[in-house]
C-alpha atoms as a PDB file:
ATOM      1  CA  MET A   1    -117.328 -80.540 -70.272  1.00  0.00           C
ATOM      2  CA  THR A   2    -116.792 -81.730 -73.277  1.00  0.00           C
ATOM      3  CA  THR A   3    -114.055 -81.367 -75.988  1.00  0.00           C
ATOM      4  CA  ASN A   4    -115.914 -78.950 -78.383  1.00  0.00           C
ATOM      5  CA  LYS A   5    -117.285 -76.895 -75.414  1.00  0.00           C
ATOM      6  CA  ILE A   6    -113.633 -76.320 -74.198  1.00  0.00           C
ATOM      7  CA  LEU A   7    -112.565 -75.545 -77.661  1.00  0.00           C
ATOM      8  CA  ILE A   8    -115.309 -73.139 -78.551  1.00  0.00           C
ATOM      9  CA  VAL A   9    -114.695 -71.369 -75.181  1.00  0.00           C
ATOM     10  CA  LEU A  10    -110.318 -71.588 -76.205  1.00  0.00           C
ATOM     11  CA  CYS A  11    -111.672 -69.883 -79.551  1.00  0.00           C
ATOM     12  CA  PHE A  12    -113.649 -67.494 -77.696  1.00  0.00           C
ATOM     13  CA  LEU A  13    -110.946 -66.464 -75.339  1.00  0.00           C
ATOM     14  CA  LEU A  14    -108.480 -66.310 -78.627  1.00  0.00           C
ATOM     15  CA  SER A  15    -110.521 -63.655 -80.507  1.00  0.00           C
ATOM     16  CA  LEU A  16    -111.158 -61.490 -77.348  1.00  0.00           C
ATOM     17  CA  GLN A  17    -107.243 -61.180 -77.259  1.00  0.00           C
ATOM     18  CA  LEU A  18    -106.669 -60.588 -81.082  1.00  0.00           C
ATOM     19  CA  GLN A  19    -108.915 -57.895 -80.934  1.00  0.00           C
ATOM     20  CA  ALA A  20    -106.944 -56.235 -78.317  1.00  0.00           C
ATOM     21  CA  GLN A  21    -103.709 -56.317 -79.946  1.00  0.00           C
ATOM     22  CA  LYS A  22    -103.044 -52.564 -80.978  1.00  0.00           C
ATOM     23  CA  TYR A  23    -103.109 -49.566 -78.698  1.00  0.00           C
ATOM     24  CA  TYR A  24    -103.413 -46.035 -80.043  1.00  0.00           C
ATOM     25  CA  THR A  25    -103.765 -42.062 -79.254  1.00  0.00           C
ATOM     26  CA  ARG A  26    -104.014 -38.822 -81.188  1.00  0.00           C
ATOM     27  CA  SER A  27    -102.671 -36.870 -78.219  1.00  0.00           C
ATOM     28  CA  GLY A  28     -99.381 -38.463 -77.902  1.00  0.00           C
ATOM     29  CA  SER A  29     -96.704 -35.935 -76.269  1.00  0.00           C
ATOM     30  CA  THR A  30     -93.645 -35.037 -78.381  1.00  0.00           C
ATOM     31  CA  GLN A  31     -91.229 -32.142 -76.997  1.00  0.00           C
ATOM     32  CA  PHE A  32     -87.912 -31.231 -78.004  1.00  0.00           C
ATOM     33  CA  GLU A  33     -85.262 -29.156 -76.921  1.00  0.00           C
ATOM     34  CA  GLY A  34     -82.825 -27.500 -79.191  1.00  0.00           C
ATOM     35  CA  SER A  35     -80.907 -24.500 -77.232  1.00  0.00           C
ATOM     36  CA  GLU A  36     -77.670 -24.270 -75.412  1.00  0.00           C
ATOM     37  CA  LYS A  37     -77.945 -23.854 -72.152  1.00  0.00           C
ATOM     38  CA  ALA A  38     -76.656 -19.894 -72.034  1.00  0.00           C
ATOM     39  CA  PHE A  39     -79.033 -18.795 -74.601  1.00  0.00           C
ATOM     40  CA  GLU A  40     -82.983 -18.438 -74.316  1.00  0.00           C
ATOM     41  CA  PRO A  41     -84.650 -21.804 -74.471  1.00  0.00           C
ATOM     42  CA  ILE A  42     -85.482 -23.167 -77.805  1.00  0.00           C
ATOM     43  CA  ALA A  43     -88.311 -25.647 -77.058  1.00  0.00           C
ATOM     44  CA  ALA A  44     -91.340 -26.838 -78.457  1.00  0.00           C
ATOM     45  CA  ILE A  45     -94.241 -29.409 -77.424  1.00  0.00           C
ATOM     46  CA  ASN A  46     -97.039 -31.041 -79.664  1.00  0.00           C
ATOM     47  CA  THR A  47     -99.630 -32.581 -77.795  1.00  0.00           C
ATOM     48  CA  SER A  48    -101.129 -34.262 -80.993  1.00  0.00           C
ATOM     49  CA  THR A  49     -98.919 -36.812 -82.172  1.00  0.00           C
ATOM     50  CA  THR A  50    -100.517 -40.085 -83.335  1.00  0.00           C
ATOM     51  CA  VAL A  51     -99.378 -43.074 -82.498  1.00  0.00           C
ATOM     52  CA  ILE A  52    -100.336 -47.026 -83.210  1.00  0.00           C
ATOM     53  CA  LEU A  53     -98.343 -49.880 -81.488  1.00  0.00           C
ATOM     54  CA  ASP A  54     -99.044 -53.485 -82.425  1.00  0.00           C
ATOM     55  CA  THR A  55     -98.613 -55.579 -79.559  1.00  0.00           C
ATOM     56  CA  ARG A  56     -98.161 -58.730 -82.028  1.00  0.00           C
ATOM     57  CA  ASN A  57     -94.987 -57.712 -82.716  1.00  0.00           C
ATOM     58  CA  GLY A  58     -94.023 -54.490 -81.153  1.00  0.00           C
ATOM     59  CA  ASN A  59     -94.161 -52.220 -84.254  1.00  0.00           C
ATOM     60  CA  ILE A  60     -94.891 -48.950 -84.052  1.00  0.00           C
ATOM     61  CA  VAL A  61     -95.593 -46.071 -86.214  1.00  0.00           C
ATOM     62  CA  SER A  62     -96.211 -42.409 -84.832  1.00  0.00           C
ATOM     63  CA  GLN A  63     -97.168 -39.080 -87.538  1.00  0.00           C
ATOM     64  CA  VAL A  64     -97.037 -35.605 -85.829  1.00  0.00           C
ATOM     65  CA  PHE A  65     -97.667 -32.241 -87.821  1.00  0.00           C
ATOM     66  CA  MET A  66     -94.890 -29.904 -87.821  1.00  0.00           C
ATOM     67  CA  ALA A  67     -97.385 -27.008 -87.224  1.00  0.00           C
ATOM     68  CA  GLY A  68     -98.502 -28.476 -84.168  1.00  0.00           C
ATOM     69  CA  PHE A  69     -95.274 -27.589 -82.398  1.00  0.00           C
ATOM     70  CA  GLN A  70     -96.187 -24.715 -79.599  1.00  0.00           C
ATOM     71  CA  PHE A  71     -93.501 -22.538 -78.703  1.00  0.00           C
ATOM     72  CA  LYS A  72     -93.349 -20.244 -75.858  1.00  0.00           C
ATOM     73  CA  ASN A  73     -92.552 -17.244 -77.922  1.00  0.00           C
ATOM     74  CA  ALA A  74     -94.562 -17.122 -81.095  1.00  0.00           C
ATOM     75  CA  LEU A  75     -91.943 -15.504 -83.694  1.00  0.00           C
ATOM     76  CA  MET A  76     -89.955 -18.534 -82.829  1.00  0.00           C
ATOM     77  CA  GLN A  77     -92.875 -20.717 -83.721  1.00  0.00           C
ATOM     78  CA  GLU A  78     -93.162 -18.571 -86.814  1.00  0.00           C
ATOM     79  CA  HIS A  79     -89.376 -18.998 -87.790  1.00  0.00           C
ATOM     80  CA  PHE A  80     -89.826 -22.826 -87.092  1.00  0.00           C
ATOM     81  CA  ASN A  81     -92.593 -23.425 -89.493  1.00  0.00           C
ATOM     82  CA  GLU A  82     -91.125 -21.142 -92.034  1.00  0.00           C
ATOM     83  CA  ASN A  83     -87.526 -20.980 -92.161  1.00  0.00           C
ATOM     84  CA  TYR A  84     -86.450 -24.336 -90.628  1.00  0.00           C
ATOM     85  CA  MET A  85     -88.967 -26.682 -91.180  1.00  0.00           C
ATOM     86  CA  ASP A  86     -90.534 -25.432 -94.548  1.00  0.00           C
ATOM     87  CA  SER A  87     -93.999 -27.200 -92.457  1.00  0.00           C
ATOM     88  CA  TYR A  88     -96.263 -25.897 -95.388  1.00  0.00           C
ATOM     89  CA  GLN A  89     -94.231 -28.049 -97.912  1.00  0.00           C
ATOM     90  CA  TYR A  90     -93.335 -30.731 -95.297  1.00  0.00           C
ATOM     91  CA  PRO A  91     -96.362 -30.945 -93.207  1.00  0.00           C
ATOM     92  CA  LYS A  92     -95.462 -34.073 -91.098  1.00  0.00           C
ATOM     93  CA  ALA A  93     -92.559 -36.032 -89.677  1.00  0.00           C
ATOM     94  CA  THR A  94     -93.146 -40.100 -89.407  1.00  0.00           C
ATOM     95  CA  PHE A  95     -91.495 -42.849 -87.361  1.00  0.00           C
ATOM     96  CA  LYS A  96     -91.849 -46.341 -88.432  1.00  0.00           C
ATOM     97  CA  GLY A  97     -90.296 -48.767 -86.213  1.00  0.00           C
ATOM     98  CA  ASN A  98     -90.205 -51.852 -83.851  1.00  0.00           C
ATOM     99  CA  LEU A  99     -89.931 -52.640 -80.215  1.00  0.00           C
ATOM    100  CA  ASP A 100     -87.196 -55.249 -80.529  1.00  0.00           C
ATOM    101  CA  GLY A 101     -88.028 -58.513 -77.797  1.00  0.00           C
ATOM    102  CA  PHE A 102     -91.336 -56.968 -77.187  1.00  0.00           C
ATOM    103  CA  SER A 103     -94.456 -59.263 -75.563  1.00  0.00           C
ATOM    104  CA  MET A 104     -97.061 -58.412 -73.646  1.00  0.00           C
ATOM    105  CA  ALA A 105     -96.303 -61.649 -71.701  1.00  0.00           C
ATOM    106  CA  ASN A 106     -93.074 -60.205 -70.391  1.00  0.00           C
ATOM    107  CA  LEU A 107     -94.297 -57.033 -70.230  1.00  0.00           C
ATOM    108  CA  ASN A 108     -94.057 -56.800 -66.319  1.00  0.00           C
ATOM    109  CA  THR A 109     -90.551 -58.267 -66.018  1.00  0.00           C
ATOM    110  CA  ASN A 110     -89.306 -55.958 -69.075  1.00  0.00           C
ATOM    111  CA  ASN A 111     -90.425 -52.655 -69.113  1.00  0.00           C
ATOM    112  CA  THR A 112     -87.377 -51.044 -71.494  1.00  0.00           C
ATOM    113  CA  PHE A 113     -87.140 -52.332 -75.144  1.00  0.00           C
ATOM    114  CA  ASP A 114     -84.749 -50.874 -77.668  1.00  0.00           C
ATOM    115  CA  LEU A 115     -86.453 -48.884 -80.035  1.00  0.00           C
ATOM    116  CA  ASN A 116     -85.089 -49.186 -83.807  1.00  0.00           C
ATOM    117  CA  GLY A 117     -86.557 -47.443 -86.889  1.00  0.00           C
ATOM    118  CA  VAL A 118     -86.547 -44.684 -89.319  1.00  0.00           C
ATOM    119  CA  LEU A 119     -87.810 -41.458 -88.754  1.00  0.00           C
ATOM    120  CA  ALA A 120     -88.432 -39.120 -91.310  1.00  0.00           C
ATOM    121  CA  ILE A 121     -88.861 -35.190 -91.926  1.00  0.00           C
ATOM    122  CA  LYS A 122     -88.561 -32.889 -94.852  1.00  0.00           C
ATOM    123  CA  GLY A 123     -88.436 -35.996 -96.971  1.00  0.00           C
ATOM    124  CA  LEU A 124     -85.081 -37.177 -95.673  1.00  0.00           C
ATOM    125  CA  GLU A 125     -84.731 -40.594 -93.409  1.00  0.00           C
ATOM    126  CA  LYS A 126     -82.545 -41.502 -90.609  1.00  0.00           C
ATOM    127  CA  TYR A 127     -82.230 -44.513 -88.951  1.00  0.00           C
ATOM    128  CA  ILE A 128     -82.991 -43.754 -84.873  1.00  0.00           C
ATOM    129  CA  GLN A 129     -81.923 -46.292 -82.058  1.00  0.00           C
ATOM    130  CA  THR A 130     -82.841 -45.858 -78.511  1.00  0.00           C
ATOM    131  CA  SER A 131     -84.217 -47.246 -75.530  1.00  0.00           C
ATOM    132  CA  VAL A 132     -88.103 -46.829 -74.389  1.00  0.00           C
ATOM    133  CA  THR A 133     -89.931 -47.577 -71.448  1.00  0.00           C
ATOM    134  CA  VAL A 134     -93.394 -49.168 -71.788  1.00  0.00           C
ATOM    135  CA  GLN A 135     -95.522 -49.868 -68.983  1.00  0.00           C
ATOM    136  CA  GLN A 136     -99.079 -51.248 -69.109  1.00  0.00           C
ATOM    137  CA  GLN A 137    -102.096 -50.076 -66.762  1.00  0.00           C
ATOM    138  CA  ASP A 138    -105.464 -51.253 -67.022  1.00  0.00           C
ATOM    139  CA  ASN A 139    -106.089 -51.082 -70.687  1.00  0.00           C
ATOM    140  CA  ARG A 140    -103.379 -48.363 -71.479  1.00  0.00           C
ATOM    141  CA  MET A 141     -99.668 -48.398 -72.468  1.00  0.00           C
ATOM    142  CA  PHE A 142     -97.233 -45.806 -71.724  1.00  0.00           C
ATOM    143  CA  VAL A 143     -94.487 -45.332 -73.756  1.00  0.00           C
ATOM    144  CA  SER A 144     -91.571 -42.836 -73.011  1.00  0.00           C
ATOM    145  CA  GLY A 145     -88.114 -42.047 -74.045  1.00  0.00           C
ATOM    146  CA  VAL A 146     -85.535 -39.831 -75.385  1.00  0.00           C
ATOM    147  CA  PHE A 147     -83.297 -39.802 -78.584  1.00  0.00           C
ATOM    148  CA  PHE A 148     -81.261 -36.918 -80.202  1.00  0.00           C
ATOM    149  CA  VAL A 149     -81.030 -35.698 -83.653  1.00  0.00           C
ATOM    150  CA  SER A 150     -78.910 -33.222 -85.890  1.00  0.00           C
ATOM    151  CA  PRO A 151     -80.537 -30.533 -87.940  1.00  0.00           C
ATOM    152  CA  GLU A 152     -77.936 -31.401 -90.591  1.00  0.00           C
ATOM    153  CA  ASP A 153     -79.906 -34.868 -90.641  1.00  0.00           C
ATOM    154  CA  PHE A 154     -82.660 -33.224 -92.358  1.00  0.00           C
ATOM    155  CA  ASP A 155     -81.165 -30.485 -94.184  1.00  0.00           C
ATOM    156  CA  ILE A 156     -82.091 -27.866 -92.024  1.00  0.00           C
ATOM    157  CA  THR A 157     -79.625 -24.906 -92.525  1.00  0.00           C
ATOM    158  CA  ILE A 158     -78.783 -22.625 -89.407  1.00  0.00           C
ATOM    159  CA  PRO A 159     -78.050 -19.361 -90.158  1.00  0.00           C
ATOM    160  CA  SER A 160     -74.789 -18.014 -88.798  1.00  0.00           C
ATOM    161  CA  ILE A 161     -76.490 -15.451 -86.745  1.00  0.00           C
ATOM    162  CA  VAL A 162     -78.379 -17.806 -84.602  1.00  0.00           C
ATOM    163  CA  ARG A 163     -76.137 -21.039 -85.055  1.00  0.00           C
ATOM    164  CA  ASP A 164     -74.096 -20.550 -81.271  1.00  0.00           C
ATOM    165  CA  LYS A 165     -77.906 -20.432 -79.809  1.00  0.00           C
ATOM    166  CA  ILE A 166     -78.875 -23.884 -81.475  1.00  0.00           C
ATOM    167  CA  ALA A 167     -77.706 -27.018 -80.138  1.00  0.00           C
ATOM    168  CA  LYS A 168     -75.854 -29.007 -82.484  1.00  0.00           C
ATOM    169  CA  GLN A 169     -77.999 -32.126 -81.144  1.00  0.00           C
ATOM    170  CA  ILE A 170     -81.747 -31.575 -80.753  1.00  0.00           C
ATOM    171  CA  GLN A 171     -83.278 -33.565 -77.681  1.00  0.00           C
ATOM    172  CA  ILE A 172     -86.464 -35.511 -78.711  1.00  0.00           C
ATOM    173  CA  ASN A 173     -88.652 -36.544 -75.682  1.00  0.00           C
ATOM    174  CA  ILE A 174     -91.588 -38.667 -76.437  1.00  0.00           C
ATOM    175  CA  ASP A 175     -94.255 -39.270 -73.737  1.00  0.00           C
ATOM    176  CA  TYR A 176     -97.262 -41.331 -75.276  1.00  0.00           C
ATOM    177  CA  GLU A 177    -100.234 -42.846 -73.532  1.00  0.00           C
ATOM    178  CA  LEU A 178    -102.125 -45.187 -75.800  1.00  0.00           C
ATOM    179  CA  ILE A 179    -105.154 -46.913 -75.233  1.00  0.00           C
ATOM    180  CA  GLU A 180    -106.613 -50.291 -76.761  1.00  0.00           C
ATOM    181  CA  LYS A 181    -108.147 -50.006 -80.434  1.00  0.00           C
ATOM    182  CA  LYS A 182    -111.376 -51.815 -80.618  1.00  0.00           C
END
């Protein structure tokens, strides 16, 4: 092969790689557990979280609509949206962060990354730092992890009548299956 043909082939291969630099989902699972063990579970799941991961630099952003959290108890869902989260005034939560040291090249040897970023709920921001697992299979990326927040972090007032039933630290579980963005 001549040098020009080799350069053309390399440029073509590089352009294919550049196109597959973002992965996304609109059906990510975000769930929370916020109850004390002795009481009725206060838990919900939202399976319509939007997430974008830029594999070039490890930047990750997500957005979840608060009204999309589904509870087993309809009254809990109503109270969550109207009394605690003010979902009609603050309809979404966002996260903007980075997977420290993320690289597609070393993904198979290192699947755990520190996730650092800012979670915004009800117009208030909190810095989040946790570890997440990232795995690649075929044209998909799987991102999962756990972190904790306090209701006070986002100015969520818990009435004294239910204060003992709600955990001081709310556990947030993320489980996202991302596909290549083309």
